[in-house]
């Protein structure tokens, strides 16, 4: 331990106290930093060393590290900040620790590094600001140490009069110990048998092959126990709303427990390789964000659904416009919150994988075509989401509004991302895609005023005495308590043809529900009156009034053919 502390202090102090002269050469050979020496204190390497290009340096470092030839691997490090007398001792130790950090903290396809001494991006697009520019340093990754971020860089350094070489930068070498404390093997890993720490396949060690499924099984068991526990809590809930909330959050809470358990065990006991972390880190973040969003959304859904169902009779009343606006605003806020959670979650995932700060960004950019394909496939869903937000903001239909959609009289019960749930007058549920609702004309009977005037239409004989029916209509209006604005009630003949005439009986009700009931009673009363008057006058005398339409016989032509009309 004393040796490790001494090395750590030397690595931190010496780069600060040492003074090196850096210069930039703009000659045809490219750009580089100038230093007095880089490896002057190292003995001759046992293996092959090539430091001419970034790719050659990384190849030297990886192959030497995998063969545990740490002295050769140390040649890939800029040791100019360390006393030459200490380089032979510290170089291999630092090389080993840097290899362990790179294996666990980053996933880099080193074959994608430039294979030119000037690191020029020969194949880059002309829109790339670095296209055609020689470079003297490359940033491979950025690691978070908790209190600060540090970068892993390669730099082109010219030691004295020798040719320039590509090495891990002096700043990176100075941060190796700090990075190793966070991303190096844990105490549990170091206690494992040596054979379990050897490479099994790809970048995975034997212990990783065994530990991954065991941690996953443990996380699934924890999720199952949490789910069963919530089921027991649900059964003991004294209120329906509490039971409903727990029922809706059981699954996302179980998912959250599963992800949390997996992440906690992985963090405390193991430090997986960079290839595994490159997959697990965004997956954990994605599932974590999804679980939290589902919990929040389902709690709001359960409360909103319960309140709306309980207060639906109150929402459809004429004076409930404020309540309808409030519930619609809550529904809109829910959808906006989900959208923001999705955007922030995606940003968090990109930040955690350093998509915009590492060479891995090229992988993300290469997936642009796939993203366009998915966006094209999901265009219908995206259109519904935008239409849902349009309804929420414009309030063309609010929760509790009475609408006439394709001949069905319904109340708006739910406004979701992709569909609107309508409750018909006979308690059926119509599931309408949002884009269909906003793309087609529908009647909103409570948009401005819930008062509704709706005609009752009767088909009568041409000889019907409309004034007699008007008298019966006026008696109905005077006696009906649910008819408002009695002065505007009227009877109008709106159409006629060979079979008879159409008569409207117009009355106004306070709201669509009252209008439906009142108009049914009005239709029944007018039909009874028409039938009574028709029976009173009879149909034998053609000069007497007739109210109900009848078929007639008409003589056609000279042959006296009879035809019913």
Protein backbone atom coordinates (compact mmCIF):
# COMPACT_ATOMS: atom_id res chain seq x y z
CA UNK A 1 0.00 0.00 0.00
CA UNK A 2 2.86 2.40 0.77
CA UNK A 3 4.30 1.77 -2.69
CA UNK A 4 0.93 2.53 -4.33
CA UNK A 5 0.56 5.75 -2.32
CA UNK A 6 4.09 6.84 -3.27
CA UNK A 7 3.41 6.17 -6.94
CA UNK A 8 0.09 8.02 -6.77
CA UNK A 9 1.71 11.08 -5.16
CA UNK A 10 4.55 11.10 -7.66
CA UNK A 11 2.16 10.88 -10.60
CA UNK A 12 0.08 13.77 -9.29
CA UNK A 13 2.94 16.02 -8.19
CA UNK A 14 5.60 15.50 -10.82
CA UNK A 15 3.50 16.59 -13.85
CA UNK A 16 2.74 19.84 -12.04
CA UNK A 17 6.29 20.52 -10.85
CA UNK A 18 7.98 19.43 -14.07
CA UNK A 19 8.48 22.01 -16.74
CA UNK A 20 8.51 20.92 -20.35
CA UNK A 21 8.75 23.06 -23.39
CA UNK A 22 5.95 22.49 -25.88
CA UNK A 23 5.98 23.88 -29.34
CA UNK A 24 3.93 23.50 -32.45
CA UNK A 25 5.47 22.82 -35.80
CA UNK A 26 3.43 23.87 -38.81
CA UNK A 27 5.70 22.27 -41.34
CA UNK A 28 4.64 19.78 -43.94
CA UNK A 29 5.24 16.96 -41.48
CA UNK A 30 2.23 18.10 -39.48
CA UNK A 31 1.61 19.42 -35.98
CA UNK A 32 3.16 18.15 -32.75
CA UNK A 33 4.19 19.10 -29.22
CA UNK A 34 7.88 19.53 -28.39
CA UNK A 35 9.38 17.84 -25.31
CA UNK A 36 12.92 17.15 -24.13
CA UNK A 37 12.26 13.42 -23.76
CA UNK A 38 9.41 10.96 -23.52
CA UNK A 39 10.86 7.60 -22.50
CA UNK A 40 14.45 8.40 -21.61
CA UNK A 41 14.28 6.41 -18.37
CA UNK A 42 12.81 3.22 -19.88
CA UNK A 43 15.06 0.29 -20.85
CA UNK A 44 14.83 -1.21 -24.32
CA UNK A 45 11.43 -2.87 -24.90
CA UNK A 46 11.12 -6.62 -25.20
CA UNK A 47 8.38 -6.45 -27.84
CA UNK A 48 7.79 -4.57 -31.07
CA UNK A 49 7.00 -0.85 -30.66
CA UNK A 50 5.47 1.37 -33.35
CA UNK A 51 4.36 4.89 -32.40
CA UNK A 52 4.20 6.57 -35.80
CA UNK A 53 0.39 6.87 -35.98
CA UNK A 54 -2.48 6.82 -33.46
CA UNK A 55 -3.59 3.40 -34.69
CA UNK A 56 -0.07 1.97 -34.50
CA UNK A 57 0.36 3.26 -30.95
CA UNK A 58 -2.95 1.79 -29.81
CA UNK A 59 -2.09 -1.50 -31.48
CA UNK A 60 1.27 -1.59 -29.66
CA UNK A 61 -0.38 -0.76 -26.35
CA UNK A 62 -3.20 -3.34 -26.66
CA UNK A 63 -1.12 -6.24 -27.91
CA UNK A 64 1.59 -5.67 -25.30
CA UNK A 65 -1.02 -5.34 -22.52
CA UNK A 66 -2.83 -8.52 -23.51
CA UNK A 67 0.50 -10.31 -23.37
CA UNK A 68 1.16 -8.65 -19.98
CA UNK A 69 4.33 -7.09 -21.40
CA UNK A 70 3.86 -3.90 -19.38
CA UNK A 71 7.29 -2.50 -20.15
CA UNK A 72 6.52 -2.49 -23.86
CA UNK A 73 3.03 -1.10 -23.18
CA UNK A 74 4.64 1.75 -21.18
CA UNK A 75 6.20 3.04 -24.40
CA UNK A 76 2.70 4.12 -25.47
CA UNK A 77 2.61 6.58 -22.53
CA UNK A 78 4.05 10.08 -22.41
CA UNK A 79 6.29 9.80 -19.32
CA UNK A 80 7.90 13.21 -19.79
CA UNK A 81 6.29 14.44 -16.57
CA UNK A 82 7.95 11.71 -14.49
CA UNK A 83 11.56 11.70 -13.29
CA UNK A 84 13.55 9.45 -15.67
CA UNK A 85 14.92 7.61 -12.63
CA UNK A 86 11.34 6.56 -11.74
CA UNK A 87 10.14 5.71 -15.25
CA UNK A 88 11.36 2.10 -15.26
CA UNK A 89 9.40 1.41 -12.05
CA UNK A 90 6.34 3.51 -12.65
CA UNK A 91 5.93 3.05 -16.41
CA UNK A 92 4.77 -0.62 -16.35
CA UNK A 93 2.51 0.02 -13.35
CA UNK A 94 0.85 2.99 -15.03
CA UNK A 95 0.51 1.06 -18.31
CA UNK A 96 -1.24 -1.81 -16.51
CA UNK A 97 -3.63 0.51 -14.72
CA UNK A 98 -4.41 2.47 -17.87
CA UNK A 99 -5.19 -0.78 -19.69
CA UNK A 100 -7.55 -1.83 -16.91
CA UNK A 101 -9.28 1.56 -17.09
CA UNK A 102 -9.65 1.48 -20.88
CA UNK A 103 -10.98 -2.09 -20.76
CA UNK A 104 -13.65 -1.20 -18.19
CA UNK A 105 -14.51 2.45 -18.77
CA UNK A 106 -14.61 2.78 -22.55
CA UNK A 107 -15.34 0.85 -25.67
CA UNK A 108 -13.22 1.96 -28.58
CA UNK A 109 -12.72 0.35 -31.97
CA UNK A 110 -9.05 1.23 -32.29
CA UNK A 111 -9.02 0.22 -35.96
CA UNK A 112 -11.09 3.38 -36.60
CA UNK A 113 -8.24 5.60 -35.35
CA UNK A 114 -6.29 7.54 -38.02
CA UNK A 115 -3.41 5.57 -39.52
CA UNK A 116 -1.49 8.65 -40.64
CA UNK A 117 1.31 10.41 -38.75
CA UNK A 118 -0.53 13.73 -39.02
CA UNK A 119 -3.89 12.13 -38.01
CA UNK A 120 -5.49 13.91 -40.95
CA UNK A 121 -9.10 12.92 -41.71
CA UNK A 122 -8.60 12.05 -45.33
CA UNK A 123 -12.04 10.49 -45.80
CA UNK A 124 -14.01 13.12 -43.83
CA UNK A 125 -16.81 15.08 -45.42
CA UNK A 126 -16.02 18.59 -46.60
CA UNK A 127 -18.59 19.85 -44.06
CA UNK A 128 -16.46 18.49 -41.21
CA UNK A 129 -14.48 21.42 -39.72
CA UNK A 130 -11.47 19.12 -39.20
CA UNK A 131 -11.45 17.83 -42.77
CA UNK A 132 -8.02 18.31 -44.34
CA UNK A 133 -6.51 19.51 -41.04
CA UNK A 134 -3.51 17.83 -39.45
CA UNK A 135 -3.99 17.18 -35.73
CA UNK A 136 -1.61 16.84 -32.81
CA UNK A 137 -4.04 15.33 -30.27
CA UNK A 138 -7.10 13.08 -30.26
CA UNK A 139 -9.72 12.76 -27.56
CA UNK A 140 -10.74 9.13 -27.18
CA UNK A 141 -13.19 9.42 -24.29
CA UNK A 142 -14.34 11.49 -21.31
CA UNK A 143 -14.74 9.78 -17.94
CA UNK A 144 -16.64 11.13 -14.95
CA UNK A 145 -14.68 10.83 -11.69
CA UNK A 146 -17.52 12.10 -9.56
CA UNK A 147 -16.19 15.57 -8.83
CA UNK A 148 -14.76 16.30 -12.28
CA UNK A 149 -14.56 14.93 -15.80
CA UNK A 150 -11.22 13.80 -17.22
CA UNK A 151 -10.35 12.96 -20.79
CA UNK A 152 -8.31 10.16 -22.28
CA UNK A 153 -6.23 11.65 -25.06
CA UNK A 154 -3.45 10.72 -27.45
CA UNK A 155 -0.92 13.39 -28.38
CA UNK A 156 1.83 13.71 -30.99
CA UNK A 157 5.08 14.61 -29.22
CA UNK A 158 8.53 15.29 -30.68
CA UNK A 159 11.22 14.31 -28.12
CA UNK A 160 14.33 16.44 -28.75
CA UNK A 161 15.71 15.84 -32.22
CA UNK A 162 13.95 12.49 -32.67
CA UNK A 163 10.93 11.93 -34.91
CA UNK A 164 7.48 12.72 -33.48
CA UNK A 165 5.59 9.85 -31.82
CA UNK A 166 1.96 9.31 -30.83
CA UNK A 167 1.52 8.51 -27.12
CA UNK A 168 -1.14 8.81 -24.43
CA UNK A 169 -0.91 12.46 -23.38
CA UNK A 170 0.94 13.60 -20.26
CA UNK A 171 -2.35 14.86 -18.79
CA UNK A 172 -3.93 11.43 -19.29
CA UNK A 173 -0.94 9.75 -17.63
CA UNK A 174 -1.26 12.15 -14.68
CA UNK A 175 -4.91 11.06 -14.19
CA UNK A 176 -4.35 7.31 -14.43
CA UNK A 177 -4.36 6.65 -10.69
CA UNK A 178 -7.49 8.74 -10.11
CA UNK A 179 -9.26 6.96 -12.99
CA UNK A 180 -8.13 3.57 -11.72
CA UNK A 181 -9.65 4.19 -8.30
CA UNK A 182 -13.07 4.66 -9.93
CA UNK A 183 -12.93 2.29 -12.90
CA UNK A 184 -10.31 -0.25 -11.86
CA UNK A 185 -11.08 -3.72 -10.47
CA UNK A 186 -13.00 -3.75 -7.21
CA UNK A 187 -11.76 -5.50 -4.07
CA UNK A 188 -14.25 -8.32 -4.77
CA UNK A 189 -12.81 -8.85 -8.27
CA UNK A 190 -9.22 -8.90 -6.97
CA UNK A 191 -10.25 -11.56 -4.44
CA UNK A 192 -11.51 -13.86 -7.21
CA UNK A 193 -9.32 -16.80 -8.31
CA UNK A 194 -6.84 -15.88 -10.98
CA UNK A 195 -8.30 -18.18 -13.63
CA UNK A 196 -11.67 -16.36 -13.38
CA UNK A 197 -9.95 -13.07 -14.21
CA UNK A 198 -8.57 -14.37 -17.51
CA UNK A 199 -10.24 -13.53 -20.82
CA UNK A 200 -12.92 -15.99 -21.93
CA UNK A 201 -13.96 -14.54 -25.30
CA UNK A 202 -14.37 -11.14 -26.97
CA UNK A 203 -13.55 -8.66 -24.15
CA UNK A 204 -15.26 -10.70 -21.42
CA UNK A 205 -13.41 -12.38 -18.57
CA UNK A 206 -14.66 -15.69 -17.14
CA UNK A 207 -16.05 -13.97 -14.05
CA UNK A 208 -18.13 -11.63 -16.26
CA UNK A 209 -19.64 -14.57 -18.13
CA UNK A 210 -20.70 -16.07 -14.79
CA UNK A 211 -21.63 -12.88 -12.94
CA UNK A 212 -23.89 -11.29 -15.56
CA UNK A 213 -26.63 -13.97 -15.58
CA UNK A 214 -26.41 -14.34 -11.77
CA UNK A 215 -26.92 -10.60 -11.22
CA UNK A 216 -29.79 -10.61 -13.73
CA UNK A 217 -31.48 -13.52 -11.94
CA UNK A 218 -31.08 -11.76 -8.60
CA UNK A 219 -32.58 -8.56 -10.05
CA UNK A 220 -35.55 -10.49 -11.48
CA UNK A 221 -36.14 -12.19 -8.11
CA UNK A 222 -36.11 -8.77 -6.38
CA UNK A 223 -38.59 -7.44 -8.95
CA UNK A 224 -40.89 -10.45 -8.44
CA UNK A 225 -40.83 -10.00 -4.66
CA UNK A 226 -41.65 -6.30 -5.06
CA UNK A 227 -44.55 -7.14 -7.38
CA UNK A 228 -45.98 -9.71 -4.98
CA UNK A 229 -45.55 -7.31 -2.07
CA UNK A 230 -47.50 -4.60 -3.90
CA UNK A 231 -50.25 -7.11 -4.65
CA UNK A 232 -50.64 -7.74 -0.92
CA UNK A 233 -50.67 -4.00 -0.21
CA UNK A 234 -53.31 -3.55 -2.91
CA UNK A 235 -55.62 -6.09 -1.29
CA UNK A 236 -55.42 -4.23 2.02
CA UNK A 237 -56.24 -0.81 0.60
CA UNK A 238 -59.39 0.66 2.17
CA UNK A 239 -60.16 2.95 -0.78
CA UNK A 240 -60.75 2.18 -4.44
CA UNK A 241 -58.49 4.99 -5.60
CA UNK A 242 -55.58 3.65 -3.53
CA UNK A 243 -56.15 0.16 -4.86
CA UNK A 244 -56.35 1.50 -8.41
CA UNK A 245 -53.08 3.43 -8.09
CA UNK A 246 -51.17 0.45 -6.71
CA UNK A 247 -52.60 -1.81 -9.41
CA UNK A 248 -51.36 0.54 -12.13
CA UNK A 249 -47.84 1.08 -10.71
CA UNK A 250 -47.06 -2.55 -9.83
CA UNK A 251 -45.30 -3.28 -13.08
CA UNK A 252 -43.21 -0.08 -13.39
CA UNK A 253 -42.19 -0.33 -9.71
CA UNK A 254 -41.08 -3.92 -10.30
CA UNK A 255 -39.10 -2.72 -13.33
CA UNK A 256 -37.52 0.03 -11.23
CA UNK A 257 -36.54 -2.47 -8.51
CA UNK A 258 -35.08 -4.80 -11.13
CA UNK A 259 -32.96 -2.06 -12.72
CA UNK A 260 -31.95 -0.61 -9.34
CA UNK A 261 -30.89 -3.98 -7.92
CA UNK A 262 -28.89 -4.85 -11.04
CA UNK A 263 -27.18 -1.44 -11.07
CA UNK A 264 -26.42 -1.48 -7.33
CA UNK A 265 -24.87 -4.96 -7.33
CA UNK A 266 -22.93 -4.21 -10.50
CA UNK A 267 -21.57 -0.97 -9.05
CA UNK A 268 -20.64 -2.28 -5.60
CA UNK A 269 -19.14 -5.63 -6.53
CA UNK A 270 -18.02 -5.51 -10.15
CA UNK A 271 -16.54 -3.27 -12.81
CA UNK A 272 -17.47 -4.80 -16.12
CA UNK A 273 -15.50 -4.34 -19.32
CA UNK A 274 -16.10 -1.37 -21.58
CA UNK A 275 -17.96 -3.41 -24.20
CA UNK A 276 -20.45 -4.63 -21.57
CA UNK A 277 -20.80 -1.18 -20.02
CA UNK A 278 -21.35 0.37 -23.45
CA UNK A 279 -24.46 -1.80 -23.70
CA UNK A 280 -25.59 -1.90 -20.07
CA UNK A 281 -25.21 1.81 -19.23
CA UNK A 282 -27.66 3.16 -21.84
CA UNK A 283 -29.98 0.18 -21.25
CA UNK A 284 -30.07 0.83 -17.50
CA UNK A 285 -30.65 4.55 -18.06
CA UNK A 286 -33.41 3.85 -20.58
CA UNK A 287 -35.24 1.38 -18.33
CA UNK A 288 -34.80 3.63 -15.31
CA UNK A 289 -36.29 6.63 -17.11
CA UNK A 290 -39.14 4.49 -18.51
CA UNK A 291 -39.95 3.10 -15.05
CA UNK A 292 -40.02 6.54 -13.40
CA UNK A 293 -42.11 8.01 -16.22
CA UNK A 294 -44.59 5.12 -16.07
CA UNK A 295 -44.97 5.44 -12.30
CA UNK A 296 -45.68 9.18 -12.52
CA UNK A 297 -47.98 8.88 -15.52
CA UNK A 298 -49.97 5.96 -14.15
CA UNK A 299 -50.53 7.68 -10.81
CA UNK A 300 -51.89 10.73 -12.63
CA UNK A 301 -53.94 8.48 -14.93
CA UNK A 302 -55.47 6.58 -12.02
CA UNK A 303 -56.41 9.78 -10.18
CA UNK A 304 -57.72 11.52 -13.30
CA UNK A 305 -59.67 8.47 -14.44
CA UNK A 306 -61.24 8.03 -11.02
CA UNK A 307 -62.17 11.70 -10.67
CA UNK A 308 -63.56 11.94 -14.20
CA UNK A 309 -65.66 8.79 -13.85
CA UNK A 310 -67.00 9.91 -10.50
CA UNK A 311 -67.75 13.44 -11.66
CA UNK A 312 -68.86 12.74 -15.24
CA UNK A 313 -72.46 13.61 -14.40
CA UNK A 314 -71.26 16.94 -13.02
CA UNK A 315 -68.89 17.60 -15.93
CA UNK A 316 -71.68 17.40 -18.51
CA UNK A 317 -73.76 20.01 -16.73
CA UNK A 318 -74.05 23.46 -18.23
CA UNK A 319 -72.09 25.24 -15.48
CA UNK A 320 -69.09 22.88 -15.48
CA UNK A 321 -67.04 24.61 -18.19
CA UNK A 322 -64.30 25.52 -15.68
CA UNK A 323 -64.03 21.91 -14.46
CA UNK A 324 -63.85 20.63 -18.05
CA UNK A 325 -61.03 23.07 -18.78
CA UNK A 326 -59.19 21.98 -15.61
CA UNK A 327 -59.35 18.26 -16.39
CA UNK A 328 -58.33 18.90 -20.00
CA UNK A 329 -55.35 20.98 -18.81
CA UNK A 330 -54.30 18.18 -16.46
CA UNK A 331 -54.50 15.71 -19.34
CA UNK A 332 -52.47 18.05 -21.56
CA UNK A 333 -49.88 18.57 -18.81
CA UNK A 334 -49.59 14.80 -18.50
CA UNK A 335 -48.81 14.39 -22.18
CA UNK A 336 -46.37 17.30 -22.21
CA UNK A 337 -44.62 15.83 -19.15
CA UNK A 338 -44.30 12.47 -20.92
CA UNK A 339 -42.82 14.17 -23.98
CA UNK A 340 -40.33 16.13 -21.86
CA UNK A 341 -39.43 12.98 -19.91
CA UNK A 342 -38.75 11.17 -23.18
CA UNK A 343 -36.56 13.99 -24.51
CA UNK A 344 -34.65 14.40 -21.22
CA UNK A 345 -34.26 10.64 -20.90
CA UNK A 346 -32.83 10.39 -24.41
CA UNK A 347 -30.46 13.28 -23.65
CA UNK A 348 -29.38 11.59 -20.41
CA UNK A 349 -28.61 8.38 -22.26
CA UNK A 350 -26.58 10.21 -24.91
CA UNK A 351 -24.66 12.07 -22.20
CA UNK A 352 -23.90 8.88 -20.29
CA UNK A 353 -22.50 7.15 -23.35
CA UNK A 354 -20.63 10.35 -24.32
CA UNK A 355 -22.15 10.10 -27.78
CA UNK A 356 -21.14 13.64 -28.72
CA UNK A 357 -17.72 13.64 -27.09
CA UNK A 358 -16.03 10.48 -28.28
CA UNK A 359 -15.24 8.65 -31.45
CA UNK A 360 -18.43 6.69 -30.73
CA UNK A 361 -20.37 9.61 -32.19
CA UNK A 362 -19.56 8.23 -35.62
CA UNK A 363 -21.53 5.11 -34.68
CA UNK A 364 -24.48 7.29 -33.72
CA UNK A 365 -24.22 9.23 -36.95
CA UNK A 366 -24.08 6.04 -38.98
CA UNK A 367 -27.37 5.02 -37.38
CA UNK A 368 -29.09 8.09 -38.87
CA UNK A 369 -30.50 6.11 -41.78
CA UNK A 370 -31.98 3.55 -39.38
CA UNK A 371 -33.46 6.40 -37.36
CA UNK A 372 -35.11 7.79 -40.47
CA UNK A 373 -36.58 4.38 -41.27
CA UNK A 374 -38.04 4.08 -37.76
CA UNK A 375 -39.38 7.64 -37.96
CA UNK A 376 -41.08 6.84 -41.27
CA UNK A 377 -42.56 3.67 -39.81
CA UNK A 378 -43.81 5.57 -36.75
CA UNK A 379 -45.19 8.55 -38.69
CA UNK A 380 -48.79 7.58 -37.89
CA UNK A 381 -48.08 7.45 -34.16
CA UNK A 382 -46.16 10.74 -34.27
CA UNK A 383 -49.05 12.36 -36.17
CA UNK A 384 -51.46 11.19 -33.46
CA UNK A 385 -49.21 12.57 -30.72
CA UNK A 386 -49.02 15.98 -32.38
CA UNK A 387 -52.79 15.96 -32.97
CA UNK A 388 -53.29 15.10 -29.28
CA UNK A 389 -51.25 18.13 -28.25
CA UNK A 390 -53.18 20.22 -30.76
CA UNK A 391 -56.50 19.25 -29.15
CA UNK A 392 -55.09 19.91 -25.69
CA UNK A 393 -53.83 23.39 -26.55
CA UNK A 394 -56.70 24.52 -28.78
CA UNK A 395 -59.34 22.78 -26.60
CA UNK A 396 -61.46 21.86 -29.59
CA UNK A 397 -62.67 18.99 -27.45
CA UNK A 398 -62.40 18.96 -23.66
CA UNK A 399 -62.88 16.15 -21.19
CA UNK A 400 -66.61 16.11 -20.44
CA UNK A 401 -67.64 17.85 -23.69
CA UNK A 402 -70.64 16.49 -25.58
CA UNK A 403 -69.77 15.83 -29.22
CA UNK A 404 -71.53 14.40 -32.24
CA UNK A 405 -68.99 12.26 -34.09
CA UNK A 406 -70.07 10.41 -37.23
CA UNK A 407 -73.68 10.31 -36.07
CA UNK A 408 -72.88 9.13 -32.53
CA UNK A 409 -73.64 11.40 -29.60
CA UNK A 410 -70.82 10.96 -27.07
CA UNK A 411 -69.00 12.54 -24.16
CA UNK A 412 -65.21 12.96 -24.27
CA UNK A 413 -63.92 10.68 -21.52
CA UNK A 414 -60.15 10.54 -22.15
CA UNK A 415 -57.65 12.30 -24.40
CA UNK A 416 -54.58 10.10 -24.76
CA UNK A 417 -51.49 10.38 -26.89
CA UNK A 418 -52.77 8.34 -29.81
CA UNK A 419 -56.52 8.05 -29.26
CA UNK A 420 -59.54 9.76 -27.77
CA UNK A 421 -61.96 7.68 -25.72
CA UNK A 422 -65.61 8.67 -26.24
CA UNK A 423 -68.47 7.47 -24.05
CA UNK A 424 -71.69 7.14 -26.04
CA UNK A 425 -75.12 7.92 -24.59
CA UNK A 426 -75.75 4.17 -24.17
CA UNK A 427 -72.42 3.65 -22.32
CA UNK A 428 -70.49 2.24 -25.25
CA UNK A 429 -66.85 3.28 -25.63
CA UNK A 430 -65.62 4.59 -28.98
CA UNK A 431 -61.83 4.52 -29.43
CA UNK A 432 -61.05 7.13 -32.07
CA UNK A 433 -57.50 7.83 -33.35
CA UNK A 434 -56.72 11.45 -32.56
CA UNK A 435 -55.69 12.20 -36.13
CA UNK A 436 -59.11 11.00 -37.33
CA UNK A 437 -60.92 13.24 -34.87
CA UNK A 438 -59.04 16.40 -35.85
CA UNK A 439 -59.13 15.54 -39.57
CA UNK A 440 -62.91 15.16 -39.69
CA UNK A 441 -65.69 17.57 -38.85
CA UNK A 442 -67.45 16.89 -35.56
CA UNK A 443 -70.00 18.84 -33.57
CA UNK A 444 -69.03 20.07 -30.12
CA UNK A 445 -72.29 20.80 -28.32
CA UNK A 446 -70.63 22.33 -25.26
CA UNK A 447 -67.78 24.31 -26.81
CA UNK A 448 -69.23 27.74 -26.02
CA UNK A 449 -72.61 27.04 -24.42
CA UNK A 450 -74.15 23.77 -23.33
CA UNK A 451 -77.65 24.94 -24.32
CA UNK A 452 -78.83 22.80 -27.21
CA UNK A 453 -81.65 23.33 -29.70
CA UNK A 454 -82.47 20.17 -31.57
CA UNK A 455 -85.47 19.63 -33.88
CA UNK A 456 -87.97 16.80 -33.69
CA UNK A 457 -88.93 15.98 -37.30
CA UNK A 458 -92.31 14.46 -38.25
CA UNK A 459 -93.45 13.37 -41.71
CA UNK A 460 -97.13 14.44 -42.18
CA UNK A 461 -99.80 14.33 -44.84
CA UNK A 462 -100.29 17.40 -47.04
CA UNK A 463 -103.79 17.89 -45.59
CA UNK A 464 -102.56 18.02 -41.97
CA UNK A 465 -103.67 21.06 -40.00
CA UNK A 466 -100.34 22.30 -38.61
CA UNK A 467 -102.08 24.84 -36.38
CA UNK A 468 -103.79 22.02 -34.43
CA UNK A 469 -100.41 20.41 -33.84
CA UNK A 470 -98.92 23.80 -32.93
CA UNK A 471 -101.52 24.11 -30.16
CA UNK A 472 -100.52 20.71 -28.76
CA UNK A 473 -96.85 21.70 -29.08
CA UNK A 474 -97.42 24.90 -27.07
CA UNK A 475 -99.17 22.93 -24.31
CA UNK A 476 -96.15 20.59 -24.14
CA UNK A 477 -93.73 23.54 -23.95
CA UNK A 478 -95.66 25.21 -21.15
CA UNK A 479 -95.84 22.03 -19.07
CA UNK A 480 -92.23 20.83 -19.59
CA UNK A 481 -89.82 22.09 -16.90
CA UNK A 482 -86.69 21.11 -18.89
CA UNK A 483 -87.58 23.41 -21.81
CA UNK A 484 -85.66 26.69 -21.47
CA UNK A 485 -86.34 29.88 -23.45
CA UNK A 486 -89.98 28.93 -24.06
CA UNK A 487 -90.49 31.99 -26.28
CA UNK A 488 -88.07 30.60 -28.88
CA UNK A 489 -89.96 27.28 -29.18
CA UNK A 490 -91.68 27.04 -32.57
CA UNK A 491 -93.11 24.77 -35.26
CA UNK A 492 -91.90 25.08 -38.86
CA UNK A 493 -92.72 23.29 -42.12
CA UNK A 494 -89.30 22.85 -43.68
CA UNK A 495 -89.89 20.63 -46.73
CA UNK A 496 -92.43 18.70 -48.78
CA UNK A 497 -92.60 16.27 -51.69
CA UNK A 498 -95.17 14.03 -53.36
CA UNK A 499 -95.46 11.82 -50.31
CA UNK A 500 -96.03 14.55 -47.70
CA UNK A 501 -94.40 17.38 -45.77
CA UNK A 502 -91.67 17.59 -43.11
CA UNK A 503 -92.41 19.56 -39.94
CA UNK A 504 -89.87 20.66 -37.33
CA UNK A 505 -90.72 21.09 -33.66
CA UNK A 506 -87.92 23.23 -32.20
CA UNK A 507 -87.18 23.50 -28.46
CA UNK A 508 -84.07 24.34 -26.41
CA UNK A 509 -82.73 22.35 -23.44
CA UNK A 510 -80.13 23.24 -20.83
CA UNK A 511 -77.61 20.60 -21.88
CA UNK A 512 -77.34 17.69 -24.35
CA UNK A 513 -78.45 15.11 -21.77
CA UNK A 514 -81.61 16.99 -20.92
CA UNK A 515 -82.19 17.71 -24.62
CA UNK A 516 -82.11 14.01 -25.50
CA UNK A 517 -84.68 13.08 -22.87
CA UNK A 518 -86.93 16.04 -23.61
CA UNK A 519 -86.87 15.52 -27.38
CA UNK A 520 -87.82 11.87 -26.97
CA UNK A 521 -90.84 12.93 -24.92
CA UNK A 522 -91.72 15.64 -27.43
CA UNK A 523 -91.57 13.21 -30.35
CA UNK A 524 -93.82 10.79 -28.52
CA UNK A 525 -96.34 13.54 -27.62
CA UNK A 526 -96.55 14.90 -31.18
CA UNK A 527 -96.99 11.44 -32.69
CA UNK A 528 -99.81 10.72 -30.25
CA UNK A 529 -101.51 14.01 -31.09
CA UNK A 530 -101.15 13.40 -34.85
CA UNK A 531 -102.60 9.90 -34.50
CA UNK A 532 -105.49 11.20 -32.36
CA UNK A 533 -106.36 13.92 -34.83
CA UNK A 534 -106.08 11.52 -37.75
CA UNK A 535 -108.47 9.07 -36.10
CA UNK A 536 -110.85 11.91 -35.15
CA UNK A 537 -111.39 13.07 -38.75
CA UNK A 538 -111.03 9.73 -40.42
CA UNK A 539 -109.90 9.07 -43.94
CA UNK A 540 -113.20 8.63 -45.85
CA UNK A 541 -113.95 12.27 -46.55
CA UNK A 542 -111.30 13.76 -48.85
CA UNK A 543 -112.25 17.24 -47.70
CA UNK A 544 -111.39 16.47 -44.08
CA UNK A 545 -107.82 16.94 -42.75
CA UNK A 546 -105.50 13.93 -42.67
CA UNK A 547 -102.32 13.84 -40.61
CA UNK A 548 -100.49 10.57 -41.25
CA UNK A 549 -99.14 9.97 -44.80
CA UNK A 550 -101.05 7.37 -46.89
CA UNK A 551 -100.49 5.54 -50.14
CA UNK A 552 -102.76 6.64 -53.03
CA UNK A 553 -103.89 4.95 -56.23
CA UNK A 554 -103.27 6.94 -59.43
CA UNK A 555 -104.68 6.17 -62.92
CA UNK A 556 -101.98 6.19 -65.59
CA UNK A 557 -102.72 6.38 -69.30
CA UNK A 558 -105.71 5.30 -71.37
CA UNK A 559 -105.46 1.68 -70.30
CA UNK A 560 -106.54 2.59 -66.78
CA UNK A 561 -103.56 0.95 -65.13
CA UNK A 562 -103.59 1.45 -61.38
CA UNK A 563 -100.36 2.26 -59.49
CA UNK A 564 -99.91 2.88 -55.81
CA UNK A 565 -98.23 6.11 -54.78
